[in-house]
Amino acid sequence: MTLDERVHRYDQTALIYKIFFKRQADYFRALVKANIRHFELNPGDKVLDMGCGNGSLCLALAERGYDVNGVDASHKMLTAARDIRHKHKKKNPFTNLLIQFLWGDAAEGLPADDKSFEAVFIANTAHSMDSEHRRMMYREARRLANKQVVIIDYTGKRSFKNKFYDWFEKTDSTDFSRNGIAEMREEFQWVNEVPYDEHTSLYICKP
């Protein structure tokens, strides 16, 4: 799948993801709170969210005091994320959240120096890509991360929810469910799977 095809797919769903932002943000707040002990991070550390979408994970991380950069290849997703950030700032004028949204394709490479971020997060993105582009993204994350790469995605057990999102995003997560962990273990020094719920795990990877 070409970059244009992948971007078009997410441009089409950007409005829906904007509408469901609050639900996603609450989900990621709970996930981050439950797993904060697994992150080798201190307040003020720079982190990167690859494939940031509507920025819901970026917000959850920024609320923990991290300096967050979100990158996405979909301009419409970035527009939605920036609009949401602006509205959040208006509602919370005394909250100083460090979030910056930038355009970029993680699979093709980003204009940042090696080890520019203490950690790189990849949430619900890997399953929507083919194996070649997943591996390209992992290598770029490995290059950019100083301490950790945290991949938040499906477990090997597919559910109705997985299948619904496949239909909604016009993707097929079957390959990721079958081969995702094996690919990560080939691309990183080591991988620790931390289950979060029945169908989601955090894969804590050493660059």
N, C-alpha and C. Protein backbone atom coordinates (compact mmCIF):
# COMPACT_ATOMS: atom_id res chain seq x y z
N MET A 1 0.84 -1.20 0.00
CA MET A 1 0.00 0.00 0.00
C MET A 1 0.87 1.24 0.00
N THR A 2 0.60 2.18 -0.89
CA THR A 2 1.40 3.40 -0.99
C THR A 2 1.05 4.37 0.14
N LEU A 3 1.92 5.37 0.32
CA LEU A 3 1.66 6.40 1.32
C LEU A 3 0.36 7.12 1.02
N ASP A 4 0.13 7.45 -0.24
CA ASP A 4 -1.10 8.15 -0.61
C ASP A 4 -2.34 7.34 -0.25
N GLU A 5 -2.28 6.03 -0.45
CA GLU A 5 -3.42 5.17 -0.12
C GLU A 5 -3.64 5.13 1.38
N ARG A 6 -2.56 5.05 2.15
CA ARG A 6 -2.70 5.02 3.61
C ARG A 6 -3.24 6.35 4.13
N VAL A 7 -2.74 7.45 3.59
CA VAL A 7 -3.19 8.77 4.03
C VAL A 7 -4.66 8.97 3.68
N HIS A 8 -5.04 8.58 2.47
CA HIS A 8 -6.43 8.74 2.05
C HIS A 8 -7.37 7.98 2.98
N ARG A 9 -6.97 6.81 3.40
CA ARG A 9 -7.79 6.00 4.30
C ARG A 9 -8.05 6.74 5.61
N TYR A 10 -7.01 7.37 6.16
CA TYR A 10 -7.19 8.06 7.44
C TYR A 10 -7.79 9.45 7.27
N ASP A 11 -7.58 10.07 6.14
CA ASP A 11 -8.29 11.32 5.85
C ASP A 11 -9.80 11.10 5.89
N GLN A 12 -10.24 9.95 5.39
CA GLN A 12 -11.66 9.65 5.33
C GLN A 12 -12.27 9.45 6.72
N THR A 13 -11.46 9.01 7.68
CA THR A 13 -12.00 8.71 9.01
C THR A 13 -11.66 9.79 10.05
N ALA A 14 -10.99 10.86 9.64
CA ALA A 14 -10.53 11.87 10.60
C ALA A 14 -11.68 12.50 11.38
N LEU A 15 -12.79 12.80 10.71
CA LEU A 15 -13.92 13.42 11.39
C LEU A 15 -14.49 12.50 12.47
N ILE A 16 -14.60 11.20 12.16
CA ILE A 16 -15.12 10.24 13.13
C ILE A 16 -14.21 10.17 14.35
N TYR A 17 -12.90 10.14 14.12
CA TYR A 17 -11.96 10.09 15.24
C TYR A 17 -12.01 11.38 16.06
N LYS A 18 -12.32 12.49 15.43
CA LYS A 18 -12.47 13.75 16.16
C LYS A 18 -13.69 13.68 17.08
N ILE A 19 -14.77 13.12 16.58
CA ILE A 19 -16.00 13.01 17.36
C ILE A 19 -15.79 12.11 18.59
N PHE A 20 -15.01 11.03 18.41
CA PHE A 20 -14.80 10.07 19.50
C PHE A 20 -13.54 10.36 20.31
N PHE A 21 -13.03 11.58 20.20
CA PHE A 21 -11.79 11.93 20.90
C PHE A 21 -11.88 11.70 22.41
N LYS A 22 -12.93 12.21 23.04
CA LYS A 22 -13.01 12.13 24.50
C LYS A 22 -12.96 10.68 24.97
N ARG A 23 -13.69 9.81 24.29
CA ARG A 23 -13.68 8.40 24.67
C ARG A 23 -12.28 7.81 24.55
N GLN A 24 -11.59 8.16 23.46
CA GLN A 24 -10.23 7.64 23.28
C GLN A 24 -9.27 8.23 24.30
N ALA A 25 -9.41 9.52 24.58
CA ALA A 25 -8.52 10.16 25.55
C ALA A 25 -8.70 9.54 26.93
N ASP A 26 -9.93 9.29 27.34
CA ASP A 26 -10.18 8.64 28.63
C ASP A 26 -9.57 7.25 28.67
N TYR A 27 -9.67 6.54 27.55
CA TYR A 27 -9.08 5.19 27.47
C TYR A 27 -7.57 5.26 27.66
N PHE A 28 -6.92 6.19 26.95
CA PHE A 28 -5.47 6.28 27.05
C PHE A 28 -5.02 6.82 28.42
N ARG A 29 -5.82 7.71 29.03
CA ARG A 29 -5.49 8.16 30.39
C ARG A 29 -5.44 6.97 31.35
N ALA A 30 -6.45 6.10 31.25
CA ALA A 30 -6.50 4.93 32.12
C ALA A 30 -5.35 3.98 31.82
N LEU A 31 -5.04 3.79 30.54
CA LEU A 31 -3.96 2.89 30.15
C LEU A 31 -2.61 3.41 30.64
N VAL A 32 -2.36 4.71 30.46
CA VAL A 32 -1.10 5.29 30.91
C VAL A 32 -0.98 5.19 32.43
N LYS A 33 -2.05 5.51 33.14
CA LYS A 33 -2.02 5.44 34.61
C LYS A 33 -1.71 4.03 35.09
N ALA A 34 -2.33 3.04 34.45
CA ALA A 34 -2.14 1.65 34.86
C ALA A 34 -0.74 1.13 34.55
N ASN A 35 -0.05 1.74 33.59
CA ASN A 35 1.23 1.20 33.13
C ASN A 35 2.40 2.16 33.30
N ILE A 36 2.19 3.25 34.03
CA ILE A 36 3.22 4.28 34.15
C ILE A 36 4.53 3.71 34.71
N ARG A 37 4.43 2.66 35.52
CA ARG A 37 5.64 2.07 36.12
C ARG A 37 6.54 1.40 35.09
N HIS A 38 5.97 1.10 33.93
CA HIS A 38 6.77 0.46 32.88
C HIS A 38 7.53 1.45 32.00
N PHE A 39 7.22 2.75 32.16
CA PHE A 39 7.85 3.76 31.32
C PHE A 39 9.11 4.29 32.01
N GLU A 40 10.22 4.27 31.33
CA GLU A 40 11.47 4.79 31.88
C GLU A 40 11.56 6.28 31.60
N LEU A 41 10.64 7.02 32.20
CA LEU A 41 10.49 8.44 31.88
C LEU A 41 10.36 9.28 33.14
N ASN A 42 10.79 10.54 33.02
CA ASN A 42 10.61 11.54 34.06
C ASN A 42 9.88 12.74 33.47
N PRO A 43 9.15 13.50 34.30
CA PRO A 43 8.49 14.70 33.79
C PRO A 43 9.48 15.59 33.05
N GLY A 44 9.06 16.12 31.92
CA GLY A 44 9.92 16.96 31.10
C GLY A 44 10.63 16.21 29.99
N ASP A 45 10.65 14.89 30.05
CA ASP A 45 11.30 14.10 29.00
C ASP A 45 10.55 14.26 27.68
N LYS A 46 11.30 14.26 26.59
CA LYS A 46 10.71 14.35 25.25
C LYS A 46 10.28 12.97 24.78
N VAL A 47 9.04 12.88 24.32
CA VAL A 47 8.54 11.63 23.78
C VAL A 47 7.89 11.90 22.42
N LEU A 48 7.82 10.86 21.61
CA LEU A 48 7.24 10.95 20.28
C LEU A 48 6.10 9.95 20.16
N ASP A 49 4.97 10.41 19.61
CA ASP A 49 3.86 9.52 19.29
C ASP A 49 3.79 9.39 17.78
N MET A 50 4.18 8.22 17.26
CA MET A 50 4.15 7.95 15.82
C MET A 50 2.75 7.53 15.41
N GLY A 51 2.20 8.20 14.40
CA GLY A 51 0.83 7.91 14.00
C GLY A 51 -0.14 8.39 15.04
N CYS A 52 -0.02 9.67 15.40
CA CYS A 52 -0.74 10.21 16.57
C CYS A 52 -2.24 10.37 16.35
N GLY A 53 -2.69 10.36 15.08
CA GLY A 53 -4.12 10.47 14.83
C GLY A 53 -4.72 11.73 15.42
N ASN A 54 -5.78 11.59 16.23
CA ASN A 54 -6.46 12.75 16.80
C ASN A 54 -5.77 13.32 18.03
N GLY A 55 -4.64 12.75 18.43
CA GLY A 55 -3.87 13.30 19.54
C GLY A 55 -4.31 12.83 20.92
N SER A 56 -5.14 11.81 20.99
CA SER A 56 -5.66 11.39 22.29
C SER A 56 -4.57 10.83 23.20
N LEU A 57 -3.65 10.03 22.65
CA LEU A 57 -2.54 9.54 23.47
C LEU A 57 -1.59 10.68 23.82
N CYS A 58 -1.38 11.60 22.88
CA CYS A 58 -0.52 12.76 23.16
C CYS A 58 -1.01 13.52 24.38
N LEU A 59 -2.32 13.72 24.48
CA LEU A 59 -2.88 14.45 25.62
C LEU A 59 -2.64 13.67 26.90
N ALA A 60 -2.89 12.36 26.88
CA ALA A 60 -2.69 11.55 28.08
C ALA A 60 -1.24 11.60 28.55
N LEU A 61 -0.29 11.61 27.62
CA LEU A 61 1.13 11.67 27.98
C LEU A 61 1.52 13.06 28.46
N ALA A 62 1.00 14.10 27.79
CA ALA A 62 1.33 15.47 28.20
C ALA A 62 0.80 15.78 29.58
N GLU A 63 -0.34 15.22 29.93
CA GLU A 63 -0.90 15.43 31.27
C GLU A 63 -0.03 14.81 32.36
N ARG A 64 0.85 13.91 31.97
CA ARG A 64 1.81 13.32 32.90
C ARG A 64 3.10 14.13 32.99
N GLY A 65 3.16 15.23 32.24
CA GLY A 65 4.31 16.12 32.33
C GLY A 65 5.37 15.91 31.28
N TYR A 66 5.10 15.06 30.28
CA TYR A 66 6.09 14.84 29.24
C TYR A 66 5.96 15.89 28.14
N ASP A 67 7.06 16.13 27.46
CA ASP A 67 7.12 17.04 26.31
C ASP A 67 6.84 16.20 25.06
N VAL A 68 5.65 16.33 24.51
CA VAL A 68 5.14 15.38 23.52
C VAL A 68 5.16 15.96 22.11
N ASN A 69 5.68 15.18 21.18
CA ASN A 69 5.56 15.47 19.76
C ASN A 69 4.71 14.38 19.12
N GLY A 70 3.66 14.78 18.41
CA GLY A 70 2.83 13.84 17.68
C GLY A 70 3.05 13.98 16.20
N VAL A 71 3.25 12.86 15.52
CA VAL A 71 3.52 12.87 14.08
C VAL A 71 2.48 12.01 13.37
N ASP A 72 1.94 12.52 12.27
CA ASP A 72 1.00 11.74 11.48
C ASP A 72 1.15 12.15 10.02
N ALA A 73 0.86 11.21 9.12
CA ALA A 73 0.96 11.49 7.68
C ALA A 73 -0.34 12.04 7.11
N SER A 74 -1.42 12.01 7.88
CA SER A 74 -2.70 12.52 7.43
C SER A 74 -2.89 13.97 7.87
N HIS A 75 -2.97 14.88 6.92
CA HIS A 75 -3.17 16.29 7.26
C HIS A 75 -4.51 16.51 7.96
N LYS A 76 -5.53 15.75 7.57
CA LYS A 76 -6.84 15.92 8.20
C LYS A 76 -6.82 15.43 9.65
N MET A 77 -6.08 14.38 9.92
CA MET A 77 -5.93 13.93 11.30
C MET A 77 -5.20 14.99 12.13
N LEU A 78 -4.16 15.58 11.55
CA LEU A 78 -3.42 16.62 12.26
C LEU A 78 -4.28 17.85 12.51
N THR A 79 -5.12 18.21 11.54
CA THR A 79 -6.03 19.34 11.72
C THR A 79 -6.99 19.05 12.87
N ALA A 80 -7.52 17.83 12.92
CA ALA A 80 -8.41 17.44 14.01
C ALA A 80 -7.68 17.52 15.35
N ALA A 81 -6.45 17.02 15.40
CA ALA A 81 -5.67 17.03 16.64
C ALA A 81 -5.39 18.46 17.10
N ARG A 82 -5.04 19.33 16.17
CA ARG A 82 -4.75 20.73 16.54
C ARG A 82 -6.00 21.44 17.01
N ASP A 83 -7.15 21.17 16.37
CA ASP A 83 -8.41 21.77 16.80
C ASP A 83 -8.76 21.33 18.22
N ILE A 84 -8.58 20.06 18.49
CA ILE A 84 -8.87 19.53 19.83
C ILE A 84 -7.94 20.14 20.86
N ARG A 85 -6.65 20.25 20.54
CA ARG A 85 -5.70 20.86 21.46
C ARG A 85 -6.09 22.31 21.76
N HIS A 86 -6.51 23.05 20.73
CA HIS A 86 -6.92 24.44 20.91
C HIS A 86 -8.14 24.55 21.83
N LYS A 87 -9.13 23.69 21.61
CA LYS A 87 -10.32 23.71 22.45
C LYS A 87 -10.00 23.33 23.89
N HIS A 88 -9.10 22.36 24.05
CA HIS A 88 -8.69 21.96 25.39
C HIS A 88 -8.00 23.12 26.11
N LYS A 89 -7.17 23.86 25.38
CA LYS A 89 -6.47 25.00 25.97
C LYS A 89 -7.45 26.09 26.38
N LYS A 90 -8.49 26.33 25.59
CA LYS A 90 -9.49 27.34 25.92
C LYS A 90 -10.26 26.95 27.18
N LYS A 91 -10.55 25.66 27.32
CA LYS A 91 -11.29 25.20 28.49
C LYS A 91 -10.41 25.14 29.73
N ASN A 92 -9.10 24.98 29.53
CA ASN A 92 -8.16 24.83 30.65
C ASN A 92 -7.01 25.83 30.46
N PRO A 93 -7.29 27.13 30.58
CA PRO A 93 -6.29 28.15 30.24
C PRO A 93 -5.05 28.15 31.12
N PHE A 94 -5.14 27.54 32.29
CA PHE A 94 -3.99 27.55 33.20
C PHE A 94 -3.21 26.24 33.16
N THR A 95 -3.58 25.38 32.23
CA THR A 95 -2.86 24.12 32.06
C THR A 95 -1.80 24.29 30.97
N ASN A 96 -0.55 24.04 31.34
CA ASN A 96 0.55 24.21 30.40
C ASN A 96 0.99 22.85 29.87
N LEU A 97 0.27 22.37 28.85
CA LEU A 97 0.60 21.08 28.26
C LEU A 97 1.55 21.29 27.08
N LEU A 98 2.60 20.48 27.05
CA LEU A 98 3.59 20.57 25.97
C LEU A 98 3.25 19.54 24.91
N ILE A 99 2.54 19.97 23.87
CA ILE A 99 2.18 19.09 22.76
C ILE A 99 2.41 19.83 21.45
N GLN A 100 3.12 19.19 20.55
CA GLN A 100 3.35 19.74 19.22
C GLN A 100 2.98 18.68 18.19
N PHE A 101 2.20 19.08 17.17
CA PHE A 101 1.80 18.16 16.13
C PHE A 101 2.52 18.51 14.83
N LEU A 102 3.12 17.50 14.21
CA LEU A 102 3.91 17.70 13.00
C LEU A 102 3.54 16.66 11.95
N TRP A 103 3.70 17.04 10.68
CA TRP A 103 3.47 16.08 9.61
C TRP A 103 4.71 15.23 9.41
N GLY A 104 4.48 13.95 9.15
CA GLY A 104 5.59 13.07 8.82
C GLY A 104 5.11 11.65 8.62
N ASP A 105 5.84 10.89 7.82
CA ASP A 105 5.52 9.49 7.61
C ASP A 105 6.57 8.66 8.32
N ALA A 106 6.16 8.01 9.40
CA ALA A 106 7.11 7.27 10.23
C ALA A 106 7.78 6.14 9.47
N ALA A 107 7.06 5.51 8.55
CA ALA A 107 7.64 4.39 7.81
C ALA A 107 8.73 4.84 6.85
N GLU A 108 8.60 6.05 6.32
CA GLU A 108 9.57 6.54 5.35
C GLU A 108 10.72 7.29 5.99
N GLY A 109 10.58 7.65 7.28
CA GLY A 109 11.65 8.35 7.99
C GLY A 109 11.26 9.77 8.36
N LEU A 110 11.76 10.23 9.50
CA LEU A 110 11.41 11.55 10.03
C LEU A 110 12.67 12.41 10.13
N PRO A 111 12.53 13.74 9.96
CA PRO A 111 13.69 14.63 10.00
C PRO A 111 14.10 14.97 11.43
N ALA A 112 14.57 13.96 12.14
CA ALA A 112 15.02 14.16 13.52
C ALA A 112 16.31 13.37 13.73
N ASP A 113 17.15 13.87 14.62
CA ASP A 113 18.43 13.22 14.90
C ASP A 113 18.23 11.91 15.65
N ASP A 114 19.23 11.04 15.57
CA ASP A 114 19.21 9.80 16.32
C ASP A 114 19.04 10.09 17.81
N LYS A 115 18.26 9.24 18.48
CA LYS A 115 18.05 9.32 19.93
C LYS A 115 17.51 10.69 20.36
N SER A 116 16.64 11.27 19.54
CA SER A 116 16.07 12.58 19.85
C SER A 116 15.03 12.54 20.96
N PHE A 117 14.48 11.35 21.23
CA PHE A 117 13.40 11.21 22.21
C PHE A 117 13.75 10.12 23.21
N GLU A 118 13.34 10.34 24.45
CA GLU A 118 13.58 9.31 25.46
C GLU A 118 12.76 8.05 25.15
N ALA A 119 11.54 8.25 24.66
CA ALA A 119 10.69 7.11 24.31
C ALA A 119 9.88 7.44 23.07
N VAL A 120 9.59 6.42 22.29
CA VAL A 120 8.70 6.54 21.13
C VAL A 120 7.50 5.63 21.36
N PHE A 121 6.30 6.19 21.23
CA PHE A 121 5.06 5.44 21.36
C PHE A 121 4.44 5.22 19.99
N ILE A 122 3.89 4.03 19.79
CA ILE A 122 3.16 3.70 18.55
C ILE A 122 1.87 3.02 18.98
N ALA A 123 0.75 3.72 18.88
CA ALA A 123 -0.51 3.20 19.42
C ALA A 123 -1.51 2.92 18.29
N ASN A 124 -1.97 1.68 18.24
CA ASN A 124 -3.03 1.27 17.31
C ASN A 124 -2.73 1.67 15.86
N THR A 125 -1.47 1.58 15.51
CA THR A 125 -1.01 1.92 14.16
C THR A 125 -0.42 0.71 13.45
N ALA A 126 0.37 -0.07 14.17
CA ALA A 126 1.09 -1.18 13.54
C ALA A 126 0.16 -2.19 12.89
N HIS A 127 -0.98 -2.46 13.53
CA HIS A 127 -1.88 -3.50 12.98
C HIS A 127 -2.49 -3.11 11.64
N SER A 128 -2.48 -1.80 11.34
CA SER A 128 -3.10 -1.33 10.09
C SER A 128 -2.13 -1.30 8.92
N MET A 129 -0.88 -1.70 9.15
CA MET A 129 0.15 -1.64 8.12
C MET A 129 0.55 -3.05 7.70
N ASP A 130 1.12 -3.14 6.50
CA ASP A 130 1.66 -4.43 6.09
C ASP A 130 3.02 -4.65 6.75
N SER A 131 3.52 -5.86 6.66
CA SER A 131 4.73 -6.23 7.38
C SER A 131 5.93 -5.36 6.99
N GLU A 132 6.08 -5.08 5.71
CA GLU A 132 7.21 -4.27 5.25
C GLU A 132 7.21 -2.90 5.89
N HIS A 133 6.05 -2.23 5.89
CA HIS A 133 5.99 -0.88 6.44
C HIS A 133 6.04 -0.88 7.97
N ARG A 134 5.53 -1.93 8.61
CA ARG A 134 5.68 -2.05 10.06
C ARG A 134 7.15 -2.08 10.43
N ARG A 135 7.91 -2.92 9.72
CA ARG A 135 9.33 -3.05 10.04
C ARG A 135 10.08 -1.74 9.79
N MET A 136 9.71 -1.04 8.73
CA MET A 136 10.33 0.26 8.47
C MET A 136 10.04 1.23 9.61
N MET A 137 8.81 1.21 10.11
CA MET A 137 8.43 2.08 11.23
C MET A 137 9.18 1.69 12.50
N TYR A 138 9.30 0.40 12.75
CA TYR A 138 10.03 -0.05 13.94
C TYR A 138 11.49 0.40 13.90
N ARG A 139 12.10 0.31 12.72
CA ARG A 139 13.51 0.72 12.61
C ARG A 139 13.68 2.20 12.83
N GLU A 140 12.72 2.98 12.35
CA GLU A 140 12.78 4.43 12.59
C GLU A 140 12.55 4.74 14.06
N ALA A 141 11.63 4.03 14.69
CA ALA A 141 11.41 4.22 16.13
C ALA A 141 12.66 3.84 16.92
N ARG A 142 13.30 2.77 16.52
CA ARG A 142 14.53 2.31 17.17
C ARG A 142 15.63 3.36 17.04
N ARG A 143 15.70 4.00 15.88
CA ARG A 143 16.71 5.04 15.66
C ARG A 143 16.47 6.25 16.54
N LEU A 144 15.22 6.61 16.74
CA LEU A 144 14.88 7.86 17.41
C LEU A 144 14.79 7.72 18.94
N ALA A 145 14.57 6.51 19.43
CA ALA A 145 14.33 6.32 20.86
C ALA A 145 15.64 6.10 21.62
N ASN A 146 15.78 6.80 22.72
CA ASN A 146 16.96 6.65 23.57
C ASN A 146 16.81 5.47 24.53
N LYS A 147 15.59 5.33 25.11
CA LYS A 147 15.40 4.30 26.12
C LYS A 147 14.41 3.20 25.73
N GLN A 148 13.27 3.62 25.17
CA GLN A 148 12.20 2.65 24.96
C GLN A 148 11.41 2.95 23.69
N VAL A 149 10.85 1.89 23.12
CA VAL A 149 9.77 2.01 22.15
C VAL A 149 8.58 1.26 22.75
N VAL A 150 7.45 1.96 22.89
CA VAL A 150 6.26 1.37 23.49
C VAL A 150 5.19 1.23 22.41
N ILE A 151 4.89 0.01 22.04
CA ILE A 151 3.89 -0.27 21.02
C ILE A 151 2.61 -0.73 21.70
N ILE A 152 1.53 0.00 21.49
CA ILE A 152 0.23 -0.33 22.09
C ILE A 152 -0.65 -0.84 20.96
N ASP A 153 -1.03 -2.11 21.04
CA ASP A 153 -1.78 -2.66 19.91
C ASP A 153 -2.45 -3.96 20.32
N TYR A 154 -3.04 -4.62 19.31
CA TYR A 154 -3.78 -5.84 19.56
C TYR A 154 -2.89 -6.95 20.10
N THR A 155 -3.53 -7.87 20.82
CA THR A 155 -2.87 -9.12 21.19
C THR A 155 -3.05 -10.09 20.01
N GLY A 156 -2.63 -11.31 20.20
CA GLY A 156 -2.82 -12.30 19.14
C GLY A 156 -4.24 -12.80 19.04
N LYS A 157 -5.09 -12.39 19.99
CA LYS A 157 -6.48 -12.85 20.00
C LYS A 157 -7.36 -11.81 19.33
N ARG A 158 -7.95 -12.17 18.21
CA ARG A 158 -8.82 -11.25 17.49
C ARG A 158 -10.23 -11.30 18.07
N SER A 159 -10.88 -10.15 18.10
CA SER A 159 -12.22 -10.04 18.66
C SER A 159 -13.16 -9.41 17.64
N PHE A 160 -14.43 -9.34 18.01
CA PHE A 160 -15.39 -8.64 17.16
C PHE A 160 -14.98 -7.18 16.99
N LYS A 161 -14.47 -6.57 18.08
CA LYS A 161 -14.03 -5.18 18.02
C LYS A 161 -12.90 -5.02 17.01
N ASN A 162 -11.94 -5.96 17.02
CA ASN A 162 -10.85 -5.91 16.05
C ASN A 162 -11.39 -5.95 14.63
N LYS A 163 -12.33 -6.86 14.41
CA LYS A 163 -12.90 -7.03 13.07
C LYS A 163 -13.70 -5.79 12.65
N PHE A 164 -14.39 -5.16 13.62
CA PHE A 164 -15.13 -3.95 13.30
C PHE A 164 -14.18 -2.84 12.88
N TYR A 165 -13.08 -2.66 13.63
CA TYR A 165 -12.12 -1.62 13.27
C TYR A 165 -11.44 -1.92 11.93
N ASP A 166 -11.21 -3.18 11.65
CA ASP A 166 -10.68 -3.55 10.34
C ASP A 166 -11.62 -3.07 9.24
N TRP A 167 -12.91 -3.33 9.45
CA TRP A 167 -13.90 -2.91 8.46
C TRP A 167 -13.96 -1.39 8.36
N PHE A 168 -13.96 -0.73 9.52
CA PHE A 168 -14.08 0.72 9.56
C PHE A 168 -12.87 1.40 8.91
N GLU A 169 -11.68 0.92 9.18
CA GLU A 169 -10.45 1.52 8.66
C GLU A 169 -10.01 0.93 7.31
N LYS A 170 -10.79 -0.05 6.83
CA LYS A 170 -10.44 -0.73 5.57
C LYS A 170 -9.06 -1.36 5.65
N THR A 171 -8.80 -2.05 6.76
CA THR A 171 -7.53 -2.72 6.98
C THR A 171 -7.79 -4.19 7.30
N ASP A 172 -6.70 -4.93 7.51
CA ASP A 172 -6.81 -6.33 7.91
C ASP A 172 -5.71 -6.59 8.94
N SER A 173 -6.09 -6.76 10.18
CA SER A 173 -5.11 -6.92 11.26
C SER A 173 -4.68 -8.37 11.46
N THR A 174 -5.15 -9.28 10.58
CA THR A 174 -4.84 -10.69 10.74
C THR A 174 -3.34 -10.94 10.76
N ASP A 175 -2.61 -10.32 9.83
CA ASP A 175 -1.17 -10.54 9.74
C ASP A 175 -0.46 -10.06 11.00
N PHE A 176 -0.88 -8.90 11.53
CA PHE A 176 -0.26 -8.41 12.77
C PHE A 176 -0.54 -9.37 13.92
N SER A 177 -1.78 -9.85 14.03
CA SER A 177 -2.14 -10.76 15.11
C SER A 177 -1.29 -12.03 15.06
N ARG A 178 -0.98 -12.48 13.86
CA ARG A 178 -0.21 -13.72 13.70
C ARG A 178 1.30 -13.50 13.87
N ASN A 179 1.80 -12.39 13.35
CA ASN A 179 3.25 -12.22 13.23
C ASN A 179 3.82 -11.02 13.97
N GLY A 180 2.97 -10.22 14.60
CA GLY A 180 3.43 -8.96 15.18
C GLY A 180 4.54 -9.10 16.19
N ILE A 181 4.38 -9.99 17.16
CA ILE A 181 5.39 -10.12 18.21
C ILE A 181 6.70 -10.66 17.64
N ALA A 182 6.61 -11.63 16.75
CA ALA A 182 7.83 -12.18 16.15
C ALA A 182 8.61 -11.11 15.40
N GLU A 183 7.90 -10.24 14.68
CA GLU A 183 8.56 -9.15 13.97
C GLU A 183 9.25 -8.20 14.94
N MET A 184 8.55 -7.84 16.02
CA MET A 184 9.15 -6.94 17.01
C MET A 184 10.43 -7.54 17.59
N ARG A 185 10.40 -8.82 17.88
CA ARG A 185 11.57 -9.47 18.49
C ARG A 185 12.74 -9.54 17.53
N GLU A 186 12.46 -9.50 16.25
CA GLU A 186 13.54 -9.46 15.26
C GLU A 186 14.11 -8.05 15.09
N GLU A 187 13.30 -7.02 15.37
CA GLU A 187 13.72 -5.64 15.12
C GLU A 187 14.29 -4.94 16.36
N PHE A 188 13.98 -5.45 17.57
CA PHE A 188 14.44 -4.81 18.80
C PHE A 188 15.30 -5.78 19.61
N GLN A 189 16.06 -5.21 20.55
CA GLN A 189 16.94 -6.04 21.38
C GLN A 189 16.13 -7.04 22.20
N TRP A 190 15.06 -6.55 22.79
CA TRP A 190 14.13 -7.44 23.50
C TRP A 190 12.77 -6.79 23.57
N VAL A 191 11.74 -7.61 23.80
CA VAL A 191 10.36 -7.15 23.86
C VAL A 191 9.68 -7.77 25.07
N ASN A 192 9.04 -6.94 25.87
CA ASN A 192 8.27 -7.41 27.03
C ASN A 192 6.80 -7.10 26.78
N GLU A 193 5.98 -8.13 26.64
CA GLU A 193 4.55 -7.91 26.43
C GLU A 193 3.86 -7.72 27.78
N VAL A 194 3.15 -6.60 27.92
CA VAL A 194 2.41 -6.30 29.14
C VAL A 194 0.93 -6.24 28.79
N PRO A 195 0.15 -7.28 29.10
CA PRO A 195 -1.28 -7.26 28.77
C PRO A 195 -2.00 -6.14 29.50
N TYR A 196 -2.90 -5.48 28.79
CA TYR A 196 -3.72 -4.42 29.41
C TYR A 196 -5.16 -4.87 29.58
N ASP A 197 -5.76 -5.35 28.51
CA ASP A 197 -7.08 -5.96 28.60
C ASP A 197 -7.08 -7.19 27.68
N GLU A 198 -8.23 -7.76 27.48
CA GLU A 198 -8.29 -9.03 26.75
C GLU A 198 -7.71 -8.95 25.34
N HIS A 199 -7.81 -7.78 24.72
CA HIS A 199 -7.42 -7.68 23.32
C HIS A 199 -6.33 -6.63 23.06
N THR A 200 -5.77 -6.03 24.11
CA THR A 200 -4.75 -4.99 23.94
C THR A 200 -3.57 -5.28 24.85
N SER A 201 -2.38 -5.12 24.32
CA SER A 201 -1.14 -5.25 25.11
C SER A 201 -0.24 -4.06 24.84
N LEU A 202 0.64 -3.79 25.79
CA LEU A 202 1.75 -2.88 25.57
C LEU A 202 2.97 -3.74 25.32
N TYR A 203 3.67 -3.46 24.24
CA TYR A 203 4.91 -4.16 23.91
C TYR A 203 6.05 -3.21 24.19
N ILE A 204 6.72 -3.44 25.32
CA ILE A 204 7.82 -2.55 25.73
C ILE A 204 9.10 -3.06 25.08
N CYS A 205 9.66 -2.25 24.18
CA CYS A 205 10.78 -2.70 23.35
C CYS A 205 12.05 -1.92 23.68
N LYS A 206 13.15 -2.62 23.70
CA LYS A 206 14.46 -1.99 23.89
C LYS A 206 15.05 -1.69 22.52
N PRO A 207 15.37 -0.41 22.23
CA PRO A 207 15.89 -0.05 20.90
C PRO A 207 17.18 -0.80 20.55
